[in-house]
């Protein structure tokens, strides 16, 4: 089963990092914990509405990067345990506030003060107020993926919030961390995971087109790297983008590198740049609009759309107004609207 198919069906493995699918940067065992918590939270917070796994994923992405690099056991235990900085006013990690010990080191491993614990980075005092057993082992442990995800869901649901409403979702994240930058960052990840979870239905597209699209979709969450990507997959890029961003230390894809990779899966060798790719296949003029695009078509963007030499970007159209997009430095491969980039310059049909 491909990574794309595995995550679409909720399959689990031993906690290895998923390379693709609807949540490409989330270890499958963590994703399973987020989804499980959504199913369980109503037992404890029956008035809460709108809880979705992308909300929990957005929090955990910022707090611990989904425990990536740790071993996540079948029962959800995470080792090594994840500890934040000791809140002793030392200034380490931006900490200037002394927080006295409340758990005698039970959860945070020290009686010299408090430090946040687990993939959702709860203070021990907070954990004691929301802790529940999510995996059925009769222990509520913040270092367990299922327990921690359920605790986070309960915490975010405080007061019977409707998290489908943006204002109430924002308030819940603010409660988690009183920082505007934090709220903005988490909301961005929630939106990204929400979009990625709505992968298109590919069963009615031709087999070769489906192969191309599944290959590209399997790279969702992989970082953008200027000059990165080739027929074999993601790679380290080059220096430098027009904005001065280097891809030399980032293993991933830029827009045209992603197209090269996806089309190589059906034996089509594409030129390396977006502008050169516009000369391949059957050209679809911009004047026909985005409605003329079919799944699998390359979709181009240009500074001067009537001149192919000014094309600066390419995506892969998946249908319903969406494309698989490696947009720019600082982003990841994701689903976007075809209107996400400016200067629509038509498309190219290769299959």
Protein backbone atom coordinates (compact mmCIF):
# COMPACT_ATOMS: atom_id res chain seq x y z
CA UNK A 1 0.00 0.00 0.00
CA UNK A 2 1.40 3.42 -0.94
CA UNK A 3 1.89 6.09 1.73
CA UNK A 4 -0.85 8.05 0.01
CA UNK A 5 -3.29 5.16 0.17
CA UNK A 6 -2.27 4.18 3.69
CA UNK A 7 -3.06 7.56 5.17
CA UNK A 8 -6.25 7.90 3.17
CA UNK A 9 -7.48 4.68 4.76
CA UNK A 10 -6.17 5.47 8.23
CA UNK A 11 -3.66 2.63 8.19
CA UNK A 12 -1.06 2.55 10.94
CA UNK A 13 2.49 1.33 11.13
CA UNK A 14 5.17 1.38 13.81
CA UNK A 15 5.33 5.15 13.97
CA UNK A 16 7.71 5.84 11.09
CA UNK A 17 7.45 9.19 9.39
CA UNK A 18 4.86 9.24 6.63
CA UNK A 19 6.22 10.58 3.38
CA UNK A 20 2.86 11.43 1.92
CA UNK A 21 -0.89 11.30 1.94
CA UNK A 22 -3.33 13.57 3.65
CA UNK A 23 -0.88 14.50 6.41
CA UNK A 24 2.56 14.02 4.95
CA UNK A 25 4.62 15.28 7.87
CA UNK A 26 2.72 13.41 10.61
CA UNK A 27 3.87 9.96 11.81
CA UNK A 28 0.94 7.61 11.17
CA UNK A 29 0.70 6.60 14.83
CA UNK A 30 0.33 10.26 15.83
CA UNK A 31 -2.29 10.84 13.16
CA UNK A 32 -4.19 7.84 14.49
CA UNK A 33 -4.07 9.38 17.98
CA UNK A 34 -5.50 12.68 16.74
CA UNK A 35 -8.36 10.93 14.96
CA UNK A 36 -9.06 8.73 17.96
CA UNK A 37 -9.24 11.75 20.27
CA UNK A 38 -11.84 13.35 18.03
CA UNK A 39 -13.98 10.24 18.44
CA UNK A 40 -13.52 10.14 22.21
CA UNK A 41 -13.80 13.79 23.25
CA UNK A 42 -17.61 13.85 23.12
CA UNK A 43 -17.71 11.41 26.04
CA UNK A 44 -16.09 14.01 28.28
CA UNK A 45 -17.19 17.25 26.59
CA UNK A 46 -20.62 16.50 25.12
CA UNK A 47 -21.36 20.15 24.34
CA UNK A 48 -18.20 20.64 22.29
CA UNK A 49 -18.70 20.90 18.54
CA UNK A 50 -16.42 21.12 15.55
CA UNK A 51 -13.43 19.20 16.88
CA UNK A 52 -11.41 17.84 13.94
CA UNK A 53 -8.06 16.09 13.74
CA UNK A 54 -6.41 19.01 11.87
CA UNK A 55 -7.00 21.16 14.98
CA UNK A 56 -5.05 18.75 17.16
CA UNK A 57 -2.44 18.35 14.43
CA UNK A 58 -1.96 22.11 14.22
CA UNK A 59 -1.26 22.33 17.96
CA UNK A 60 1.07 19.32 18.00
CA UNK A 61 2.96 20.54 14.93
CA UNK A 62 3.93 23.75 16.71
CA UNK A 63 4.45 22.17 20.14
CA UNK A 64 6.56 19.13 19.22
CA UNK A 65 6.58 18.63 15.44
CA UNK A 66 4.37 15.56 16.04
CA UNK A 67 7.09 13.86 18.11
CA UNK A 68 9.06 13.26 14.91
CA UNK A 69 12.36 11.57 15.74
CA UNK A 70 10.96 9.72 18.74
CA UNK A 71 9.85 6.12 18.85
CA UNK A 72 6.07 5.88 19.05
CA UNK A 73 5.04 2.45 20.29
CA UNK A 74 1.93 0.58 19.22
CA UNK A 75 0.23 1.59 22.50
CA UNK A 76 1.14 5.24 21.90
CA UNK A 77 4.00 5.61 24.38
CA UNK A 78 6.59 8.12 23.13
CA UNK A 79 10.27 7.59 23.90
CA UNK A 80 12.48 9.42 24.59
CA UNK A 81 10.00 11.56 26.48
CA UNK A 82 9.54 15.14 25.35
CA UNK A 83 10.39 17.82 27.91
CA UNK A 84 10.31 21.59 27.60
CA UNK A 85 12.79 23.92 29.26
CA UNK A 86 12.83 24.18 33.04
CA UNK A 87 10.71 27.17 34.00
CA UNK A 88 13.06 28.63 36.56
CA UNK A 89 13.41 32.16 35.19
CA UNK A 90 16.82 31.45 33.66
CA UNK A 91 15.90 32.91 30.30
CA UNK A 92 16.51 29.61 28.50
CA UNK A 93 14.04 29.17 25.68
CA UNK A 94 12.65 32.64 26.30
CA UNK A 95 11.55 31.68 29.81
CA UNK A 96 11.67 34.51 32.36
CA UNK A 97 8.96 33.31 34.75
CA UNK A 98 9.54 30.99 37.69
CA UNK A 99 6.93 28.21 37.88
CA UNK A 100 7.05 26.19 41.08
CA UNK A 101 6.99 22.40 41.02
CA UNK A 102 3.54 20.81 41.40
CA UNK A 103 4.12 17.13 40.61
CA UNK A 104 7.30 16.24 42.46
CA UNK A 105 8.81 15.26 39.13
CA UNK A 106 6.13 12.65 38.37
CA UNK A 107 5.57 13.85 34.82
CA UNK A 108 8.39 16.29 34.11
CA UNK A 109 11.23 14.36 35.71
CA UNK A 110 12.32 17.09 38.12
CA UNK A 111 11.24 18.52 41.45
CA UNK A 112 13.28 21.69 40.90
CA UNK A 113 10.45 23.45 39.05
CA UNK A 114 8.03 22.81 36.22
CA UNK A 115 8.57 22.03 32.57
CA UNK A 116 6.11 21.23 29.82
CA UNK A 117 5.73 17.58 28.87
CA UNK A 118 4.71 15.37 25.99
CA UNK A 119 3.80 16.03 22.36
CA UNK A 120 1.24 18.66 23.39
CA UNK A 121 3.57 20.28 25.95
CA UNK A 122 1.28 20.47 28.98
CA UNK A 123 2.48 21.78 32.31
CA UNK A 124 2.00 19.03 34.92
CA UNK A 125 -0.56 21.19 36.77
CA UNK A 126 -2.62 21.57 33.60
CA UNK A 127 -2.33 17.88 32.82
CA UNK A 128 -3.72 16.91 36.22
CA UNK A 129 -6.88 18.92 35.48
CA UNK A 130 -7.60 17.45 32.02
CA UNK A 131 -5.91 14.04 31.97
CA UNK A 132 -7.82 11.06 30.61
CA UNK A 133 -6.87 7.56 29.57
CA UNK A 134 -7.06 7.52 25.79
CA UNK A 135 -5.57 4.10 25.05
CA UNK A 136 -7.32 1.97 27.67
CA UNK A 137 -4.32 1.01 29.80
CA UNK A 138 -5.79 2.61 32.95
CA UNK A 139 -3.07 5.30 33.04
CA UNK A 140 -3.44 8.90 31.84
CA UNK A 141 0.09 9.75 30.70
CA UNK A 142 1.01 13.00 28.87
CA UNK A 143 3.89 11.09 27.25
CA UNK A 144 1.39 8.78 25.50
CA UNK A 145 0.08 9.89 22.10
CA UNK A 146 -3.53 8.79 22.70
CA UNK A 147 -3.75 10.22 26.22
CA UNK A 148 -2.10 13.51 25.26
CA UNK A 149 -4.27 14.02 22.17
CA UNK A 150 -7.44 13.36 24.17
CA UNK A 151 -6.28 15.76 26.87
CA UNK A 152 -5.62 18.45 24.26
CA UNK A 153 -9.07 17.93 22.74
CA UNK A 154 -10.68 18.29 26.16
CA UNK A 155 -8.66 21.43 26.92
CA UNK A 156 -9.56 23.07 23.60
CA UNK A 157 -13.23 22.18 24.08
CA UNK A 158 -13.49 24.02 27.41
CA UNK A 159 -16.83 25.75 27.86
CA UNK A 160 -18.54 23.73 25.15
CA UNK A 161 -16.95 25.65 22.29
CA UNK A 162 -18.01 25.30 18.67
CA UNK A 163 -14.61 24.97 17.03
CA UNK A 164 -16.16 25.09 13.58
CA UNK A 165 -16.53 28.83 14.22
CA UNK A 166 -13.29 30.67 13.54
CA UNK A 167 -13.62 33.06 16.47
CA UNK A 168 -14.13 30.25 18.96
CA UNK A 169 -11.30 28.22 17.44
CA UNK A 170 -9.03 31.26 17.75
CA UNK A 171 -10.07 31.71 21.38
CA UNK A 172 -9.28 28.07 22.13
CA UNK A 173 -5.78 28.37 20.65
CA UNK A 174 -5.21 31.63 22.54
CA UNK A 175 -6.14 29.81 25.75
CA UNK A 176 -3.49 27.23 24.90
CA UNK A 177 -0.80 29.88 24.47
CA UNK A 178 -1.33 33.63 24.96
CA UNK A 179 0.63 34.68 21.89
CA UNK A 180 -0.70 36.20 18.68
CA UNK A 181 2.21 34.70 16.75
CA UNK A 182 1.41 31.29 18.19
CA UNK A 183 -2.27 31.57 17.27
CA UNK A 184 -1.41 32.62 13.72
CA UNK A 185 1.06 29.77 13.32
CA UNK A 186 -1.33 27.11 14.62
CA UNK A 187 -4.21 28.39 12.49
CA UNK A 188 -1.98 28.22 9.43
CA UNK A 189 -1.16 24.58 10.09
CA UNK A 190 -4.82 23.77 10.81
CA UNK A 191 -5.82 25.29 7.48
CA UNK A 192 -3.09 23.38 5.68
CA UNK A 193 -4.01 20.04 7.23
CA UNK A 194 -7.69 20.71 6.56
CA UNK A 195 -6.99 21.32 2.88
CA UNK A 196 -4.70 18.31 2.65
CA UNK A 197 -7.31 16.05 4.24
CA UNK A 198 -9.68 16.77 1.37
CA UNK A 199 -7.74 15.00 -1.30
CA UNK A 200 -9.66 14.60 -4.56
CA UNK A 201 -11.42 11.45 -5.66
CA UNK A 202 -9.25 9.98 -8.39
CA UNK A 203 -11.17 6.82 -9.23
CA UNK A 204 -12.69 8.23 -12.41
CA UNK A 205 -9.51 9.61 -13.99
CA UNK A 206 -7.46 7.62 -16.53
CA UNK A 207 -4.89 5.26 -15.04
CA UNK A 208 -1.79 7.19 -16.12
CA UNK A 209 -3.24 10.48 -14.91
CA UNK A 210 -4.07 8.86 -11.59
CA UNK A 211 -0.49 7.62 -11.31
CA UNK A 212 0.84 11.15 -11.85
CA UNK A 213 -1.56 12.70 -9.37
CA UNK A 214 -0.99 10.09 -6.68
CA UNK A 215 2.75 10.56 -7.03
CA UNK A 216 2.41 14.32 -6.54
CA UNK A 217 -0.16 14.00 -3.74
CA UNK A 218 2.13 11.59 -1.92
CA UNK A 219 4.59 14.44 -1.42
CA UNK A 220 2.23 16.70 0.50
CA UNK A 221 4.02 18.18 3.48
CA UNK A 222 7.48 17.87 1.91
CA UNK A 223 9.29 21.23 2.18
CA UNK A 224 9.75 23.63 -0.70
CA UNK A 225 13.38 23.72 -1.81
CA UNK A 226 14.55 26.12 -4.50
CA UNK A 227 15.98 23.88 -7.24
CA UNK A 228 14.97 20.75 -5.35
CA UNK A 229 13.42 17.61 -6.76
CA UNK A 230 14.13 15.31 -9.68
CA UNK A 231 12.75 12.18 -11.33
CA UNK A 232 13.80 10.10 -8.31
CA UNK A 233 12.11 12.28 -5.71
CA UNK A 234 12.98 15.09 -3.34
CA UNK A 235 16.52 16.40 -3.27
CA UNK A 236 18.62 19.23 -1.89
CA UNK A 237 18.24 22.40 -3.92
CA UNK A 238 20.46 25.29 -4.97
CA UNK A 239 21.04 28.95 -4.19
CA UNK A 240 19.21 31.18 -4.65
CA UNK A 241 15.62 32.18 -5.39
CA UNK A 242 14.81 35.73 -6.60
CA UNK A 243 14.07 36.60 -2.97
CA UNK A 244 17.47 35.25 -1.92
CA UNK A 245 16.28 31.97 -0.40
CA UNK A 246 18.65 29.02 -0.68
CA UNK A 247 17.57 25.42 -1.09
CA UNK A 248 21.01 23.95 -0.46
CA UNK A 249 20.15 22.72 3.04
CA UNK A 250 16.51 21.80 2.34
CA UNK A 251 15.57 18.41 0.91
CA UNK A 252 12.35 18.84 -1.02
CA UNK A 253 10.82 20.14 -4.24
CA UNK A 254 10.32 23.35 -6.10
CA UNK A 255 7.34 23.64 -8.44
CA UNK A 256 8.96 22.29 -11.57
CA UNK A 257 10.91 19.64 -9.66
CA UNK A 258 7.63 18.23 -8.37
CA UNK A 259 6.27 18.05 -11.93
CA UNK A 260 9.43 16.28 -13.11
CA UNK A 261 9.04 13.70 -10.34
CA UNK A 262 5.32 13.06 -10.86
CA UNK A 263 5.50 12.67 -14.63
CA UNK A 264 8.55 10.43 -14.43
CA UNK A 265 6.21 7.87 -12.85
CA UNK A 266 4.58 7.37 -16.26
CA UNK A 267 7.80 7.55 -18.26
CA UNK A 268 7.54 11.22 -19.29
CA UNK A 269 10.76 13.20 -18.96
CA UNK A 270 10.04 16.89 -18.44
CA UNK A 271 12.42 19.83 -18.79
CA UNK A 272 13.60 21.18 -15.43
CA UNK A 273 12.10 24.69 -15.49
CA UNK A 274 8.46 25.77 -15.51
CA UNK A 275 8.94 27.94 -18.60
CA UNK A 276 10.46 25.05 -20.55
CA UNK A 277 7.71 22.69 -19.42
CA UNK A 278 5.17 24.95 -21.12
CA UNK A 279 6.54 23.82 -24.48
CA UNK A 280 5.62 20.19 -23.84
CA UNK A 281 2.38 18.42 -24.70
CA UNK A 282 -0.73 20.17 -25.97
CA UNK A 283 -0.72 23.84 -24.92
CA UNK A 284 -3.97 25.13 -23.37
CA UNK A 285 -4.25 28.91 -23.91
CA UNK A 286 -4.94 31.15 -20.93
CA UNK A 287 -7.82 32.67 -22.88
CA UNK A 288 -9.80 29.44 -22.39
CA UNK A 289 -9.74 29.94 -18.61
CA UNK A 290 -9.17 27.41 -15.85
CA UNK A 291 -12.36 25.58 -16.86
CA UNK A 292 -10.46 24.12 -19.81
CA UNK A 293 -8.08 22.23 -17.53
CA UNK A 294 -8.38 18.49 -16.94
CA UNK A 295 -6.88 16.51 -14.04
CA UNK A 296 -3.21 15.89 -14.68
CA UNK A 297 -2.67 19.04 -16.75
CA UNK A 298 0.22 21.30 -15.91
CA UNK A 299 -1.01 24.78 -14.99
CA UNK A 300 1.27 27.79 -15.51
CA UNK A 301 1.67 31.28 -14.09
CA UNK A 302 3.61 34.13 -15.67
CA UNK A 303 4.60 37.72 -15.02
CA UNK A 304 3.23 38.49 -18.49
CA UNK A 305 0.77 35.65 -19.22
CA UNK A 306 0.85 36.19 -22.97
CA UNK A 307 4.61 35.45 -23.05
CA UNK A 308 5.73 31.95 -22.08
CA UNK A 309 9.26 33.18 -21.48
CA UNK A 310 7.95 34.98 -18.37
CA UNK A 311 6.42 31.86 -16.80
CA UNK A 312 7.60 31.62 -13.21
CA UNK A 313 5.50 28.82 -11.74
CA UNK A 314 3.82 25.48 -12.50
CA UNK A 315 1.32 23.36 -10.61
CA UNK A 316 -0.43 20.07 -11.39
CA UNK A 317 -4.19 20.35 -11.77
CA UNK A 318 -6.26 17.78 -9.84
CA UNK A 319 -9.77 19.01 -10.68
CA UNK A 320 -12.44 21.02 -8.88
CA UNK A 321 -10.36 24.17 -9.10
CA UNK A 322 -7.42 22.70 -7.16
CA UNK A 323 -3.79 22.01 -7.97
CA UNK A 324 -0.89 20.29 -6.23
CA UNK A 325 1.44 23.14 -5.51
CA UNK A 326 4.99 23.71 -4.31
CA UNK A 327 4.38 27.39 -3.93
CA UNK A 328 7.41 29.21 -2.54
CA UNK A 329 10.23 29.06 0.03
CA UNK A 330 8.95 28.48 3.54
CA UNK A 331 5.95 26.41 2.43
CA UNK A 332 5.37 22.71 1.78
CA UNK A 333 3.85 20.76 -1.06
CA UNK A 334 0.09 21.13 -0.66
CA UNK A 335 -3.28 21.40 -2.34
CA UNK A 336 -4.13 24.95 -3.38
CA UNK A 337 -6.75 26.70 -5.42
CA UNK A 338 -5.64 27.45 -8.96
CA UNK A 339 -6.23 31.08 -8.01
CA UNK A 340 -3.55 30.90 -5.29
CA UNK A 341 -0.89 32.18 -7.70
CA UNK A 342 -1.13 35.28 -9.87
CA UNK A 343 -0.82 35.54 -13.66
CA UNK A 344 -2.65 32.44 -14.92
CA UNK A 345 -0.93 31.51 -18.18
CA UNK A 346 -2.89 28.44 -19.27
CA UNK A 347 -1.81 24.84 -19.15
CA UNK A 348 -0.30 21.88 -20.94
CA UNK A 349 -1.82 18.44 -21.43
CA UNK A 350 0.68 15.62 -21.58
CA UNK A 351 -1.66 12.63 -21.24
